[in-house]
Amino acid sequence: MTESYKLSIQAGDIWLASASLGELGDIKYQRGELHSAAELYKKAIEVAGETQGVGWGASGLSKVLYEWNDLEIAAQNAKRAIKWYELGGNAEPAIPAYFVQSQICLVQGNKADMVALIEKMDQANRQPALAPQYYAYHAAYHTILAIRQHNLEAACKWDKQISEYSQMLLIEYQGVPARLLIAQGKKGEALEHLQKLYDKFIKIGAHGLLIGIRVYQALAAETEETAVDFLTDALKIAEPEGYIRTFVDEGKLIKPLLEEALSRGITPDYTRKLITIIKVEERQKLKRKKLFRNITVFPTSSISKAYSPKRVQELQEFICKTS
């Protein structure tokens, strides 16, 4: 890819040069070198300038920023990748960008915007010139979002499509079927699949992807002791590069294990930070649920008395978006 980038620059092919830098960033991302990946994605954006080639770098950078929990800047970069697709450019960098934005909306409780983004992602996935592997990525994205919303029926539906395109699935999403098995309570099957992936990723040096595999193994483990061992390995690999969402997206499921790791002194500052983020997001979810309950159950009594009609309308509109 380095040679491809150099040749593209020499030939003045900005689109291919930015795409090559994006591919190099992806390799760094898979190896767990998030800071190096971010620099390559930024370089891809710089090289592309205001052309549709900017989508490769912007989409990749949004993924790293999401992992770092920098949601606002991640969304800005995702929108930048999507902008050029919507102006008639390449759909390929836009599809993962729609996924990043959908995840951000889910974290923030903005389900109405998330649904709209998913619909746009589905439209982009129907582009006739799309590379076949994007059908696999698209199914994986849907499966992940469904699992996080505890919608096993939808997750199983999309997992079938993953199976159809399994040979084309990017390695960073090959653990998704195992995550679904965990959600279904089939932890033994999940552990078998995850161990194969772990061995594979060790062999090819994809240390960044090992973190997610170890997190899944912790969730599938038969005993707390084994679970904490898996999680300890993940924390030690992840801390230097500042991984966050790989852990906190598992929310309540991973929190008890993080608390146990903290009690044992495992990466204490880092582990405490992850627990804090999970707790903050849990409180935000509870606030949204409480507000929804108050407005829907008591729309004309205590809420109406406490707020002006205009404010009640604003709150109702907000709840419609987040419910």
Protein backbone atom coordinates (compact mmCIF):
# COMPACT_ATOMS: atom_id res chain seq x y z
CA MET A 1 0.00 0.00 0.00
CA THR A 2 2.91 2.37 0.68
CA GLU A 3 4.18 1.78 -2.86
CA SER A 4 0.67 2.26 -4.24
CA TYR A 5 0.42 5.60 -2.46
CA LYS A 6 3.78 6.80 -3.83
CA LEU A 7 2.91 5.78 -7.39
CA SER A 8 -0.50 7.43 -7.12
CA ILE A 9 1.05 10.70 -5.97
CA GLN A 10 3.56 10.58 -8.82
CA ALA A 11 0.74 9.98 -11.30
CA GLY A 12 -1.40 12.71 -9.78
CA ASP A 13 -4.17 10.24 -8.92
CA ILE A 14 -5.49 11.90 -5.75
CA TRP A 15 -8.42 9.51 -5.35
CA LEU A 16 -6.20 6.41 -5.40
CA ALA A 17 -3.59 8.07 -3.17
CA SER A 18 -6.16 8.89 -0.50
CA ALA A 19 -7.68 5.40 -0.77
CA SER A 20 -4.20 3.85 -0.32
CA LEU A 21 -3.60 5.91 2.81
CA GLY A 22 -7.01 4.83 4.07
CA GLU A 23 -6.05 1.19 3.56
CA LEU A 24 -2.79 1.75 5.45
CA GLY A 25 -4.81 3.31 8.26
CA ASP A 26 -7.07 0.25 8.32
CA ILE A 27 -4.04 -2.01 8.74
CA LYS A 28 -2.79 0.09 11.65
CA TYR A 29 -6.28 0.03 13.15
CA GLN A 30 -6.41 -3.76 13.01
CA ARG A 31 -2.98 -3.97 14.62
CA GLY A 32 -4.20 -1.83 17.51
CA GLU A 33 -2.11 1.21 16.60
CA LEU A 34 -4.93 3.72 16.85
CA HIS A 35 -2.78 6.84 17.00
CA SER A 36 -0.82 5.82 13.90
CA ALA A 37 -4.09 4.93 12.15
CA ALA A 38 -5.53 8.35 12.99
CA GLU A 39 -2.49 10.11 11.52
CA LEU A 40 -2.78 8.12 8.29
CA TYR A 41 -6.49 8.90 8.01
CA LYS A 42 -5.75 12.60 8.57
CA LYS A 43 -3.08 12.44 5.86
CA ALA A 44 -5.62 10.84 3.52
CA ILE A 45 -8.00 13.74 4.20
CA GLU A 46 -5.22 16.25 3.56
CA VAL A 47 -4.19 14.61 0.29
CA ALA A 48 -7.77 14.37 -0.97
CA GLY A 49 -8.63 17.97 -0.17
CA GLU A 50 -12.15 18.92 -1.22
CA THR A 51 -12.69 15.93 -3.52
CA GLN A 52 -14.69 12.74 -3.11
CA GLY A 53 -11.48 10.93 -2.13
CA VAL A 54 -11.79 12.56 1.29
CA GLY A 55 -14.36 9.91 2.18
CA TRP A 56 -11.72 7.22 2.81
CA GLY A 57 -9.82 9.19 5.42
CA ALA A 58 -12.86 10.82 7.02
CA SER A 59 -14.69 7.51 7.37
CA GLY A 60 -11.65 5.79 8.90
CA LEU A 61 -10.95 8.67 11.26
CA SER A 62 -14.55 8.68 12.46
CA LYS A 63 -14.12 5.02 13.45
CA VAL A 64 -11.02 5.76 15.56
CA LEU A 65 -12.62 8.81 17.17
CA TYR A 66 -15.69 6.77 18.02
CA GLU A 67 -13.45 4.20 19.72
CA TRP A 68 -11.86 7.02 21.71
CA ASN A 69 -15.37 8.20 22.67
CA ASP A 70 -14.85 11.56 20.96
CA LEU A 71 -18.38 11.37 19.62
CA GLU A 72 -18.78 14.95 18.41
CA ILE A 73 -15.67 14.96 16.21
CA ALA A 74 -16.36 11.40 15.10
CA ALA A 75 -19.79 12.52 13.86
CA GLN A 76 -18.25 15.47 12.01
CA ASN A 77 -15.88 13.19 10.12
CA ALA A 78 -18.59 10.66 9.37
CA LYS A 79 -20.75 13.46 7.93
CA ARG A 80 -17.81 14.58 5.79
CA ALA A 81 -17.51 11.11 4.27
CA ILE A 82 -21.25 10.93 3.70
CA LYS A 83 -21.40 14.39 2.12
CA TRP A 84 -19.37 13.35 -0.91
CA TYR A 85 -21.39 10.19 -1.42
CA GLU A 86 -24.63 12.19 -1.32
CA LEU A 87 -23.14 14.58 -3.90
CA GLY A 88 -22.75 11.65 -6.26
CA GLY A 89 -19.50 10.12 -5.07
CA ASN A 90 -18.44 6.64 -3.93
CA ALA A 91 -20.79 4.83 -1.54
CA GLU A 92 -18.09 2.55 -0.10
CA PRO A 93 -16.60 4.94 2.51
CA ALA A 94 -20.08 6.29 3.28
CA ILE A 95 -21.52 2.95 4.47
CA PRO A 96 -19.16 2.57 7.49
CA ALA A 97 -19.62 6.30 8.15
CA TYR A 98 -23.39 5.82 8.38
CA PHE A 99 -22.69 3.00 10.83
CA VAL A 100 -20.51 5.22 13.02
CA GLN A 101 -23.19 7.90 13.08
CA SER A 102 -25.86 5.32 13.88
CA GLN A 103 -23.81 4.08 16.84
CA ILE A 104 -23.41 7.64 18.11
CA CYS A 105 -27.16 8.22 17.90
CA LEU A 106 -27.75 4.97 19.80
CA VAL A 107 -25.33 6.00 22.55
CA GLN A 108 -27.01 9.40 22.83
CA GLY A 109 -30.50 7.96 22.78
CA ASN A 110 -31.46 9.64 19.51
CA LYS A 111 -33.30 6.71 17.98
CA ALA A 112 -35.26 8.67 15.39
CA ASP A 113 -32.08 9.96 13.75
CA MET A 114 -30.52 6.51 14.08
CA VAL A 115 -33.41 4.95 12.13
CA ALA A 116 -33.07 7.62 9.43
CA LEU A 117 -29.33 6.99 9.14
CA ILE A 118 -29.84 3.24 8.90
CA GLU A 119 -32.30 3.77 6.07
CA LYS A 120 -29.70 5.88 4.24
CA MET A 121 -27.07 3.20 4.88
CA ASP A 122 -29.44 0.62 3.38
CA GLN A 123 -29.92 2.83 0.32
CA ALA A 124 -26.16 3.21 -0.13
CA ASN A 125 -25.78 -0.56 0.14
CA ARG A 126 -28.08 -0.97 -2.86
CA GLN A 127 -25.75 0.94 -5.19
CA PRO A 128 -25.12 -1.26 -8.27
CA ALA A 129 -21.35 -0.65 -8.44
CA LEU A 130 -20.75 -1.58 -4.79
CA ALA A 131 -18.01 -4.12 -4.06
CA PRO A 132 -19.58 -7.42 -2.85
CA GLN A 133 -17.82 -7.38 0.53
CA TYR A 134 -19.85 -4.34 1.54
CA TYR A 135 -22.96 -6.53 1.66
CA ALA A 136 -21.23 -8.49 4.42
CA TYR A 137 -20.19 -5.35 6.30
CA HIS A 138 -23.73 -3.99 5.99
CA ALA A 139 -25.20 -7.16 7.53
CA ALA A 140 -22.61 -7.05 10.34
CA TYR A 141 -23.48 -3.42 11.11
CA HIS A 142 -27.17 -4.28 11.35
CA THR A 143 -26.44 -7.27 13.58
CA ILE A 144 -24.36 -5.18 15.98
CA LEU A 145 -27.00 -2.45 16.22
CA ALA A 146 -29.76 -5.02 16.78
CA ILE A 147 -27.82 -6.75 19.57
CA ARG A 148 -27.20 -3.44 21.33
CA GLN A 149 -30.93 -2.78 21.22
CA HIS A 150 -31.68 -6.30 22.53
CA ASN A 151 -33.54 -7.15 19.32
CA LEU A 152 -32.52 -10.77 18.82
CA GLU A 153 -35.06 -11.41 16.08
CA ALA A 154 -33.54 -8.71 13.88
CA ALA A 155 -29.99 -9.75 14.84
CA CYS A 156 -30.65 -13.34 13.76
CA LYS A 157 -32.13 -12.17 10.47
CA TRP A 158 -29.04 -10.13 9.62
CA ASP A 159 -26.70 -12.86 10.87
CA LYS A 160 -28.08 -15.13 8.13
CA GLN A 161 -26.91 -12.57 5.59
CA ILE A 162 -23.48 -12.50 7.23
CA SER A 163 -23.33 -16.27 6.67
CA GLU A 164 -24.12 -15.79 2.98
CA TYR A 165 -21.15 -13.43 2.60
CA SER A 166 -18.89 -14.96 5.27
CA GLN A 167 -15.95 -15.32 2.88
CA MET A 168 -16.04 -11.57 2.20
CA LEU A 169 -16.42 -10.34 5.79
CA LEU A 170 -13.65 -8.00 6.94
CA ILE A 171 -11.69 -9.56 9.78
CA GLU A 172 -12.64 -6.88 12.29
CA TYR A 173 -16.28 -8.02 12.09
CA GLN A 174 -15.68 -11.77 12.12
CA GLY A 175 -16.47 -11.87 15.84
CA VAL A 176 -20.02 -10.57 15.31
CA PRO A 177 -21.62 -14.04 14.91
CA ALA A 178 -20.02 -15.09 18.20
CA ARG A 179 -21.42 -11.98 19.90
CA LEU A 180 -24.87 -13.03 18.71
CA LEU A 181 -24.33 -16.51 20.14
CA ILE A 182 -23.56 -14.87 23.50
CA ALA A 183 -26.78 -12.86 23.29
CA GLN A 184 -28.64 -16.10 22.57
CA GLY A 185 -27.09 -17.78 25.61
CA LYS A 186 -25.01 -20.16 23.48
CA LYS A 187 -21.79 -19.32 25.26
CA GLY A 188 -20.04 -22.63 24.66
CA GLU A 189 -20.41 -22.30 20.90
CA ALA A 190 -19.30 -18.68 21.12
CA LEU A 191 -16.13 -19.62 23.02
CA GLU A 192 -15.16 -22.18 20.39
CA HIS A 193 -15.57 -19.65 17.60
CA LEU A 194 -13.75 -16.92 19.54
CA GLN A 195 -10.76 -19.13 20.33
CA LYS A 196 -10.30 -19.83 16.61
CA LEU A 197 -10.44 -16.11 15.88
CA TYR A 198 -8.01 -15.36 18.71
CA ASP A 199 -5.49 -17.84 17.31
CA LYS A 200 -5.97 -16.41 13.82
CA PHE A 201 -5.51 -12.79 14.92
CA ILE A 202 -2.40 -13.66 16.93
CA LYS A 203 -0.94 -15.31 13.86
CA ILE A 204 -1.53 -12.32 11.57
CA GLY A 205 -0.60 -9.69 14.17
CA ALA A 206 -4.06 -8.11 14.43
CA HIS A 207 -3.57 -7.19 18.09
CA GLY A 208 -6.18 -4.45 18.01
CA LEU A 209 -8.85 -6.98 17.09
CA LEU A 210 -7.76 -9.23 19.95
CA ILE A 211 -9.23 -6.70 22.38
CA GLY A 212 -12.77 -7.20 21.14
CA ILE A 213 -12.29 -10.96 21.06
CA ARG A 214 -11.08 -10.97 24.67
CA VAL A 215 -14.06 -8.83 25.71
CA TYR A 216 -16.43 -11.31 24.06
CA GLN A 217 -14.59 -14.22 25.70
CA ALA A 218 -15.03 -12.50 29.06
CA LEU A 219 -18.78 -12.22 28.43
CA ALA A 220 -18.98 -15.89 27.41
CA ALA A 221 -16.73 -17.32 30.14
CA GLU A 222 -18.14 -20.02 32.42
CA THR A 223 -16.66 -18.59 35.63
CA GLU A 224 -15.95 -15.11 36.93
CA GLU A 225 -12.28 -16.03 37.41
CA THR A 226 -11.88 -16.97 33.75
CA ALA A 227 -13.87 -13.93 32.66
CA VAL A 228 -11.63 -11.57 34.61
CA ASP A 229 -8.55 -13.26 33.15
CA PHE A 230 -9.85 -12.60 29.62
CA LEU A 231 -10.78 -9.04 30.53
CA THR A 232 -7.41 -8.38 32.16
CA ASP A 233 -5.68 -9.33 28.93
CA ALA A 234 -7.98 -7.00 26.97
CA LEU A 235 -7.39 -4.09 29.35
CA LYS A 236 -3.62 -4.43 29.24
CA ILE A 237 -3.58 -4.50 25.44
CA ALA A 238 -6.07 -1.66 25.13
CA GLU A 239 -4.82 0.88 27.68
CA PRO A 240 -1.80 2.28 25.76
CA GLU A 241 -3.94 3.25 22.75
CA GLY A 242 -6.95 4.41 24.77
CA TYR A 243 -9.67 2.03 23.64
CA ILE A 244 -13.02 2.94 25.19
CA ARG A 245 -16.11 1.99 23.19
CA THR A 246 -15.02 -1.65 22.71
CA PHE A 247 -15.63 -1.98 26.45
CA VAL A 248 -18.35 0.52 27.30
CA ASP A 249 -20.64 -0.46 24.41
CA GLU A 250 -21.22 -3.66 26.39
CA GLY A 251 -22.61 -1.53 29.23
CA LYS A 252 -24.19 -3.41 32.12
CA LEU A 253 -22.86 -6.76 30.92
CA ILE A 254 -19.22 -5.77 31.24
CA LYS A 255 -19.47 -3.42 34.22
CA PRO A 256 -19.40 -6.08 37.00
CA LEU A 257 -16.32 -7.64 35.44
CA LEU A 258 -14.62 -4.25 35.17
CA GLU A 259 -15.43 -3.60 38.82
CA GLU A 260 -13.92 -6.96 39.78
CA ALA A 261 -10.81 -6.17 37.71
CA LEU A 262 -10.54 -2.81 39.47
CA SER A 263 -10.78 -4.47 42.88
CA ARG A 264 -7.77 -6.57 41.87
CA GLY A 265 -5.80 -3.51 40.84
CA ILE A 266 -5.88 -4.20 37.09
CA THR A 267 -5.00 -1.01 35.15
CA PRO A 268 -6.79 0.96 37.92
CA ASP A 269 -6.99 4.46 36.39
CA TYR A 270 -8.01 3.14 32.99
CA THR A 271 -10.52 0.62 34.36
CA ARG A 272 -12.04 3.25 36.64
CA LYS A 273 -12.47 5.57 33.64
CA LEU A 274 -14.35 2.88 31.70
CA ILE A 275 -16.64 2.17 34.65
CA THR A 276 -17.35 5.88 35.06
CA ILE A 277 -18.37 6.24 31.41
CA ILE A 278 -20.71 3.26 31.68
CA LYS A 279 -22.30 4.69 34.82
CA VAL A 280 -22.78 8.11 33.22
CA GLU A 281 -24.44 6.56 30.18
CA GLU A 282 -26.65 4.38 32.37
CA ARG A 283 -27.82 7.48 34.27
CA GLN A 284 -28.56 9.26 31.00
CA LYS A 285 -30.66 6.31 29.83
CA LEU A 286 -32.61 6.32 33.10
CA LYS A 287 -33.26 10.06 32.81
CA ARG A 288 -34.60 9.62 29.29
CA LYS A 289 -36.86 6.77 30.39
CA LYS A 290 -38.13 8.77 33.37
CA LEU A 291 -38.82 11.81 31.21
CA PHE A 292 -40.61 9.66 28.67
CA ARG A 293 -42.71 8.03 31.39
CA ASN A 294 -43.64 11.39 32.93
CA ILE A 295 -44.64 13.01 29.65
CA THR A 296 -46.54 10.02 28.28
CA VAL A 297 -48.29 9.08 31.54
CA PHE A 298 -48.92 12.59 32.91
CA PRO A 299 -49.03 14.82 29.83
CA THR A 300 -51.65 17.20 31.19
CA SER A 301 -51.14 17.08 34.96
CA SER A 302 -47.89 17.59 36.86
CA ILE A 303 -45.70 18.08 33.76
CA SER A 304 -48.10 20.60 32.23
CA LYS A 305 -48.23 22.52 35.48
CA ALA A 306 -44.45 22.50 35.89
CA TYR A 307 -43.64 23.72 32.39
CA SER A 308 -45.03 26.17 29.85
CA PRO A 309 -47.03 24.72 26.92
CA LYS A 310 -44.10 25.48 24.60
CA ARG A 311 -41.65 23.62 26.87
CA VAL A 312 -44.00 20.63 27.16
CA GLN A 313 -44.16 20.48 23.35
CA GLU A 314 -40.35 20.62 23.13
CA LEU A 315 -40.03 17.81 25.66
CA GLN A 316 -42.58 15.69 23.82
CA GLU A 317 -40.71 16.18 20.54
CA PHE A 318 -37.45 15.21 22.25
CA ILE A 319 -39.00 12.05 23.67
CA CYS A 320 -40.39 11.10 20.25
CA LYS A 321 -36.83 11.22 18.90
CA THR A 322 -35.32 9.21 21.74
CA SER A 323 -38.05 6.63 22.33
